[in-house]
């Protein structure tokens, strides 16, 4: 069964997804990712890619702090990590930003 656009948005919003984030993802993925026929598969891809609403700098700092710098590190350790370069490298291919939402390239 093919859903109408209104039915699709109802189901996506009922699943708890932010319409602005879905639209940001959709606009950057192209028409082949329009979820009208198989929204469950499409929304699964969206969920996998969506990292949340934040700036690219906030995302880079959060990821670096969680993945590379142990939480119990002394404060001076943080001065050695170049967040700006890490942010630049992340968004050269692994991640992308649209309208304040961060997505992982899948």
N, C-alpha and C. Protein backbone atom coordinates (compact mmCIF):
# COMPACT_ATOMS: atom_id res chain seq x y z
N UNK A 1 0.82 -1.17 0.00
CA UNK A 1 0.00 0.00 0.00
C UNK A 1 0.88 1.25 0.00
N UNK A 2 0.60 2.15 -0.89
CA UNK A 2 1.32 3.40 -0.96
C UNK A 2 0.64 4.43 -0.08
N UNK A 3 1.43 5.08 0.74
CA UNK A 3 0.90 6.09 1.65
C UNK A 3 0.85 7.45 0.96
N UNK A 4 -0.10 8.26 1.37
CA UNK A 4 -0.10 9.65 0.93
C UNK A 4 0.95 10.38 1.75
N UNK A 5 1.32 11.54 1.29
CA UNK A 5 2.31 12.33 2.02
C UNK A 5 1.85 12.64 3.45
N UNK A 6 0.57 12.99 3.61
CA UNK A 6 0.05 13.28 4.95
C UNK A 6 0.08 12.05 5.86
N UNK A 7 -0.27 10.89 5.32
CA UNK A 7 -0.23 9.65 6.11
C UNK A 7 1.20 9.31 6.51
N UNK A 8 2.10 9.53 5.58
CA UNK A 8 3.52 9.27 5.86
C UNK A 8 4.00 10.12 7.03
N UNK A 9 3.71 11.42 6.99
CA UNK A 9 4.17 12.31 8.07
C UNK A 9 3.51 11.96 9.39
N UNK A 10 2.27 11.55 9.36
CA UNK A 10 1.60 11.11 10.59
C UNK A 10 2.36 9.95 11.21
N UNK A 11 2.70 8.96 10.40
CA UNK A 11 3.39 7.78 10.92
C UNK A 11 4.80 8.12 11.40
N UNK A 12 5.50 8.98 10.66
CA UNK A 12 6.85 9.36 11.07
C UNK A 12 6.80 10.12 12.40
N UNK A 13 5.85 11.03 12.54
CA UNK A 13 5.73 11.79 13.79
C UNK A 13 5.24 10.90 14.94
N UNK A 14 4.37 9.94 14.65
CA UNK A 14 3.92 9.00 15.67
C UNK A 14 5.08 8.14 16.16
N UNK A 15 6.06 7.90 15.30
CA UNK A 15 7.24 7.13 15.68
C UNK A 15 8.20 7.97 16.53
N UNK A 16 7.87 9.25 16.73
CA UNK A 16 8.66 10.09 17.62
C UNK A 16 9.78 10.87 16.95
N UNK A 17 9.71 11.03 15.64
CA UNK A 17 10.77 11.73 14.94
C UNK A 17 10.41 13.18 14.67
N UNK A 18 11.41 14.02 14.76
CA UNK A 18 11.27 15.45 14.52
C UNK A 18 11.17 15.70 13.03
N UNK A 19 10.10 16.35 12.61
CA UNK A 19 9.87 16.58 11.17
C UNK A 19 10.99 17.42 10.55
N UNK A 20 11.49 18.42 11.28
CA UNK A 20 12.57 19.25 10.75
C UNK A 20 13.82 18.42 10.46
N UNK A 21 14.15 17.51 11.37
CA UNK A 21 15.33 16.65 11.16
C UNK A 21 15.12 15.72 9.98
N UNK A 22 13.92 15.15 9.86
CA UNK A 22 13.63 14.26 8.74
C UNK A 22 13.71 15.02 7.43
N UNK A 23 13.15 16.23 7.40
CA UNK A 23 13.21 17.06 6.19
C UNK A 23 14.65 17.43 5.84
N UNK A 24 15.47 17.74 6.84
CA UNK A 24 16.88 18.08 6.59
C UNK A 24 17.60 16.89 5.97
N UNK A 25 17.36 15.70 6.50
CA UNK A 25 17.97 14.49 5.97
C UNK A 25 17.48 14.23 4.54
N UNK A 26 16.18 14.30 4.37
CA UNK A 26 15.57 14.02 3.07
C UNK A 26 16.07 14.98 1.99
N UNK A 27 16.16 16.26 2.32
CA UNK A 27 16.57 17.24 1.31
C UNK A 27 18.01 17.04 0.86
N UNK A 28 18.82 16.45 1.71
CA UNK A 28 20.21 16.23 1.34
C UNK A 28 20.47 14.86 0.72
N UNK A 29 19.52 13.95 0.84
CA UNK A 29 19.72 12.61 0.33
C UNK A 29 19.19 12.42 -1.09
N UNK A 30 18.39 13.33 -1.57
CA UNK A 30 17.87 13.22 -2.92
C UNK A 30 16.57 12.47 -2.99
N UNK A 31 15.96 12.53 -4.14
CA UNK A 31 14.63 11.93 -4.32
C UNK A 31 14.63 10.41 -4.18
N UNK A 32 15.75 9.73 -4.44
CA UNK A 32 15.74 8.28 -4.29
C UNK A 32 15.49 7.87 -2.83
N UNK A 33 15.59 8.80 -1.92
CA UNK A 33 15.34 8.51 -0.51
C UNK A 33 13.98 9.01 -0.04
N UNK A 34 13.11 9.34 -0.96
CA UNK A 34 11.76 9.75 -0.58
C UNK A 34 11.02 8.52 -0.05
N UNK A 35 10.51 8.59 1.16
CA UNK A 35 9.98 7.38 1.81
C UNK A 35 8.52 7.04 1.53
N UNK A 36 7.95 7.50 0.44
CA UNK A 36 6.52 7.28 0.25
C UNK A 36 6.13 5.82 0.11
N UNK A 37 6.94 4.99 -0.52
CA UNK A 37 6.56 3.60 -0.72
C UNK A 37 6.99 2.67 0.42
N UNK A 38 8.15 2.91 0.99
CA UNK A 38 8.67 2.02 2.01
C UNK A 38 9.23 2.84 3.17
N UNK A 39 8.35 3.48 3.90
CA UNK A 39 8.80 4.42 4.91
C UNK A 39 9.55 3.74 6.04
N UNK A 40 9.22 2.48 6.38
CA UNK A 40 9.91 1.80 7.48
C UNK A 40 11.40 1.64 7.19
N UNK A 41 11.74 1.25 5.97
CA UNK A 41 13.15 1.10 5.60
C UNK A 41 13.84 2.46 5.57
N UNK A 42 13.15 3.42 5.00
CA UNK A 42 13.72 4.76 4.90
C UNK A 42 13.95 5.38 6.27
N UNK A 43 12.98 5.24 7.18
CA UNK A 43 13.11 5.84 8.50
C UNK A 43 14.19 5.12 9.29
N UNK A 44 14.39 3.84 9.03
CA UNK A 44 15.48 3.10 9.66
C UNK A 44 16.83 3.69 9.25
N UNK A 45 16.97 4.04 7.99
CA UNK A 45 18.20 4.69 7.51
C UNK A 45 18.37 6.05 8.18
N UNK A 46 17.28 6.79 8.29
CA UNK A 46 17.32 8.08 8.96
C UNK A 46 17.78 7.92 10.41
N UNK A 47 17.20 6.97 11.12
CA UNK A 47 17.56 6.75 12.53
C UNK A 47 19.03 6.39 12.68
N UNK A 48 19.54 5.59 11.76
CA UNK A 48 20.95 5.20 11.81
C UNK A 48 21.86 6.40 11.56
N UNK A 49 21.46 7.27 10.67
CA UNK A 49 22.29 8.42 10.30
C UNK A 49 22.17 9.59 11.28
N UNK A 50 21.00 9.79 11.86
CA UNK A 50 20.75 10.97 12.69
C UNK A 50 21.56 10.95 13.98
N UNK A 51 22.34 12.00 14.20
CA UNK A 51 23.15 12.12 15.41
C UNK A 51 22.60 13.16 16.37
N UNK A 52 21.62 13.95 15.91
CA UNK A 52 20.99 14.93 16.79
C UNK A 52 21.14 16.35 16.29
N UNK A 53 20.58 17.25 17.07
CA UNK A 53 20.59 18.67 16.72
C UNK A 53 21.67 19.36 17.56
N UNK A 54 22.68 19.89 16.89
CA UNK A 54 23.78 20.59 17.55
C UNK A 54 24.67 21.21 16.48
N UNK A 55 25.63 22.00 16.91
CA UNK A 55 26.58 22.54 15.95
C UNK A 55 27.62 21.48 15.63
N UNK A 56 28.33 21.69 14.53
CA UNK A 56 29.38 20.73 14.18
C UNK A 56 30.47 20.72 15.25
N UNK A 57 30.75 21.88 15.84
CA UNK A 57 31.76 21.96 16.90
C UNK A 57 31.32 21.19 18.14
N UNK A 58 30.06 21.36 18.54
CA UNK A 58 29.55 20.63 19.70
C UNK A 58 29.64 19.12 19.46
N UNK A 59 29.28 18.70 18.26
CA UNK A 59 29.32 17.27 17.95
C UNK A 59 30.76 16.75 18.01
N UNK A 60 31.69 17.48 17.42
CA UNK A 60 33.09 17.06 17.42
C UNK A 60 33.63 16.96 18.85
N UNK A 61 33.32 17.94 19.66
CA UNK A 61 33.79 17.92 21.05
C UNK A 61 33.18 16.75 21.82
N UNK A 62 31.89 16.54 21.63
CA UNK A 62 31.22 15.43 22.31
C UNK A 62 31.81 14.09 21.90
N UNK A 63 31.99 13.89 20.60
CA UNK A 63 32.53 12.63 20.11
C UNK A 63 33.95 12.41 20.59
N UNK A 64 34.78 13.44 20.52
CA UNK A 64 36.16 13.32 20.98
C UNK A 64 36.22 13.00 22.47
N UNK A 65 35.42 13.72 23.25
CA UNK A 65 35.43 13.50 24.70
C UNK A 65 34.94 12.11 25.07
N UNK A 66 33.96 11.59 24.33
CA UNK A 66 33.43 10.26 24.64
C UNK A 66 34.33 9.13 24.11
N UNK A 67 34.92 9.35 22.94
CA UNK A 67 35.64 8.25 22.28
C UNK A 67 37.15 8.24 22.53
N UNK A 68 37.75 9.40 22.74
CA UNK A 68 39.21 9.44 22.77
C UNK A 68 39.82 9.91 24.08
N UNK A 69 39.07 10.65 24.86
CA UNK A 69 39.63 11.21 26.09
C UNK A 69 38.87 10.62 27.28
N UNK A 70 39.56 9.82 28.09
CA UNK A 70 38.88 9.22 29.24
C UNK A 70 38.27 10.28 30.16
N UNK A 71 37.11 9.99 30.70
CA UNK A 71 36.38 10.94 31.54
C UNK A 71 37.17 11.37 32.76
N UNK A 72 38.02 10.50 33.26
CA UNK A 72 38.77 10.84 34.48
C UNK A 72 40.12 11.48 34.17
N UNK A 73 40.32 11.94 32.94
CA UNK A 73 41.57 12.60 32.56
C UNK A 73 41.70 13.95 33.27
N UNK A 74 42.93 14.31 33.61
CA UNK A 74 43.11 15.65 34.18
C UNK A 74 42.77 16.71 33.14
N UNK A 75 42.34 17.87 33.58
CA UNK A 75 41.89 18.93 32.68
C UNK A 75 42.94 19.32 31.67
N UNK A 76 44.22 19.28 32.01
CA UNK A 76 45.27 19.71 31.09
C UNK A 76 45.35 18.84 29.85
N UNK A 77 44.86 17.60 29.91
CA UNK A 77 44.88 16.70 28.75
C UNK A 77 44.04 17.28 27.61
N UNK A 78 42.96 17.93 27.95
CA UNK A 78 42.06 18.48 26.94
C UNK A 78 42.72 19.57 26.11
N UNK A 79 43.74 20.22 26.63
CA UNK A 79 44.42 21.28 25.88
C UNK A 79 45.26 20.72 24.74
N UNK A 80 45.56 19.44 24.77
CA UNK A 80 46.37 18.83 23.72
C UNK A 80 45.55 18.32 22.53
N UNK A 81 44.27 18.26 22.69
CA UNK A 81 43.43 17.75 21.60
C UNK A 81 42.97 18.92 20.74
N UNK A 82 43.16 18.81 19.43
CA UNK A 82 42.78 19.89 18.52
C UNK A 82 41.36 19.62 18.00
N UNK A 83 40.38 20.17 18.72
CA UNK A 83 38.98 19.96 18.37
C UNK A 83 38.65 20.54 16.99
N UNK A 84 39.25 21.66 16.66
CA UNK A 84 38.97 22.30 15.38
C UNK A 84 39.37 21.42 14.20
N UNK A 85 40.55 20.81 14.26
CA UNK A 85 40.99 19.92 13.18
C UNK A 85 40.16 18.64 13.17
N UNK A 86 39.83 18.15 14.35
CA UNK A 86 39.00 16.96 14.44
C UNK A 86 37.64 17.22 13.80
N UNK A 87 37.06 18.37 14.10
CA UNK A 87 35.77 18.76 13.51
C UNK A 87 35.88 18.81 11.99
N UNK A 88 36.91 19.45 11.49
CA UNK A 88 37.10 19.56 10.04
C UNK A 88 37.19 18.17 9.41
N UNK A 89 37.97 17.30 9.99
CA UNK A 89 38.16 15.96 9.44
C UNK A 89 36.87 15.14 9.48
N UNK A 90 36.11 15.25 10.56
CA UNK A 90 34.84 14.51 10.66
C UNK A 90 33.89 14.87 9.53
N UNK A 91 33.84 16.17 9.21
CA UNK A 91 32.86 16.64 8.25
C UNK A 91 33.41 16.69 6.82
N UNK A 92 34.53 16.02 6.60
CA UNK A 92 35.06 15.87 5.24
C UNK A 92 34.50 14.60 4.60
N UNK A 93 33.76 13.79 5.34
CA UNK A 93 33.23 12.58 4.73
C UNK A 93 32.40 11.70 5.64
N UNK A 94 32.77 11.59 6.90
CA UNK A 94 32.06 10.68 7.80
C UNK A 94 30.73 11.22 8.29
N UNK A 95 30.64 12.53 8.40
CA UNK A 95 29.43 13.17 8.91
C UNK A 95 29.10 14.38 8.06
N UNK A 96 27.85 14.82 8.12
CA UNK A 96 27.44 16.04 7.44
C UNK A 96 26.37 16.72 8.26
N UNK A 97 26.22 18.02 8.02
CA UNK A 97 25.29 18.85 8.78
C UNK A 97 24.28 19.47 7.83
N UNK A 98 23.03 19.56 8.29
CA UNK A 98 21.99 20.23 7.52
C UNK A 98 21.01 20.88 8.49
N UNK A 99 20.87 22.20 8.39
CA UNK A 99 19.91 22.95 9.21
C UNK A 99 20.07 22.69 10.70
N UNK A 100 21.29 22.52 11.17
CA UNK A 100 21.54 22.32 12.59
C UNK A 100 21.45 20.88 13.05
N UNK A 101 21.24 19.94 12.13
CA UNK A 101 21.17 18.52 12.47
C UNK A 101 22.41 17.82 11.92
N UNK A 102 22.96 16.91 12.68
CA UNK A 102 24.15 16.17 12.28
C UNK A 102 23.74 14.77 11.86
N UNK A 103 24.31 14.32 10.73
CA UNK A 103 24.03 12.98 10.20
C UNK A 103 25.34 12.27 9.89
N UNK A 104 25.33 10.97 10.12
CA UNK A 104 26.47 10.13 9.76
C UNK A 104 26.25 9.64 8.35
N UNK A 105 27.29 9.70 7.55
CA UNK A 105 27.20 9.17 6.19
C UNK A 105 27.07 7.66 6.29
N UNK A 106 26.06 7.11 5.60
CA UNK A 106 25.87 5.65 5.64
C UNK A 106 25.97 5.08 4.25
